[in-house]
Amino acid sequence: MTTVVKCPTCGKGVVWGEISPYRPFCCKRCQLIDLGEWADEEKRIPSTGDLSETEDWSEEDDRDR
């Protein structure tokens, strides 16, 4: 049985297998469009808080490591 998923960028059907090297995207173009959206911070993973609010951090801490 062949599994077909929708390309997250354009919605075109994509066969989930070796035949589709850019899966889950239908092509390199859709893959790069998605990457650009992440790079421009149009997409992001939601979080419950900011790291600076939950931990005390300073540059001195990094120098110790």
Protein backbone atom coordinates (compact mmCIF):
# COMPACT_ATOMS: atom_id res chain seq x y z
CA MET A 1 0.00 0.00 0.00
CA THR A 2 1.31 3.45 -0.92
CA THR A 3 1.04 6.30 1.58
CA VAL A 4 0.33 9.72 0.11
CA VAL A 5 0.67 12.91 2.18
CA LYS A 6 -0.06 16.53 1.33
CA CYS A 7 2.87 18.87 0.72
CA PRO A 8 2.85 21.33 3.66
CA THR A 9 3.58 24.22 1.30
CA CYS A 10 1.30 23.73 -1.71
CA GLY A 11 -0.97 20.84 -0.72
CA LYS A 12 -0.05 18.62 -3.68
CA GLY A 13 -0.08 14.86 -3.02
CA VAL A 14 3.35 13.33 -2.29
CA VAL A 15 4.14 9.62 -2.22
CA TRP A 16 5.87 8.81 1.09
CA GLY A 17 8.80 6.77 -0.11
CA GLU A 18 12.13 6.70 -1.92
CA ILE A 19 10.43 8.01 -5.07
CA SER A 20 9.96 11.40 -3.32
CA PRO A 21 13.38 12.65 -2.15
CA TYR A 22 11.98 15.94 -0.76
CA ARG A 23 9.20 14.35 1.31
CA PRO A 24 7.09 15.64 2.92
CA PHE A 25 7.49 18.35 0.28
CA CYS A 26 6.64 17.74 -3.38
CA CYS A 27 9.78 19.45 -4.70
CA LYS A 28 12.91 21.40 -3.77
CA ARG A 29 11.09 24.71 -4.36
CA CYS A 30 8.42 23.95 -1.73
CA GLN A 31 11.14 22.76 0.66
CA LEU A 32 13.04 26.05 0.26
CA ILE A 33 9.88 28.14 0.66
CA ASP A 34 9.24 26.41 4.00
CA LEU A 35 12.86 26.88 5.09
CA GLY A 36 12.63 30.58 4.24
CA GLU A 37 9.49 30.95 6.36
CA TRP A 38 11.33 29.44 9.35
CA ALA A 39 14.38 31.65 8.71
CA ASP A 40 12.20 34.78 8.54
CA GLU A 41 10.50 33.65 11.77
CA GLU A 42 7.12 33.49 10.03
CA LYS A 43 6.87 30.00 11.53
CA ARG A 44 7.95 29.01 15.02
CA ILE A 45 7.33 26.40 17.67
CA PRO A 46 5.20 27.88 20.45
CA SER A 47 6.64 27.87 23.95
CA THR A 48 5.20 28.51 27.36
CA GLY A 49 7.88 30.94 28.45
CA ASP A 50 11.08 32.73 27.66
CA LEU A 51 14.36 31.11 28.73
CA SER A 52 15.44 34.35 30.37
CA GLU A 53 12.35 34.21 32.60
CA THR A 54 12.96 30.64 33.78
CA GLU A 55 16.74 30.61 34.29
CA ASP A 56 19.34 33.04 35.46
CA TRP A 57 21.89 33.20 32.67
CA SER A 58 24.87 35.37 31.97
CA GLU A 59 27.81 35.34 29.59
CA GLU A 60 30.02 34.46 32.56
CA ASP A 61 28.14 31.14 32.85
CA ASP A 62 29.18 30.23 29.29
CA ARG A 63 32.84 31.08 29.94
CA ASP A 64 32.92 28.61 32.81
CA ARG A 65 32.01 25.71 30.52
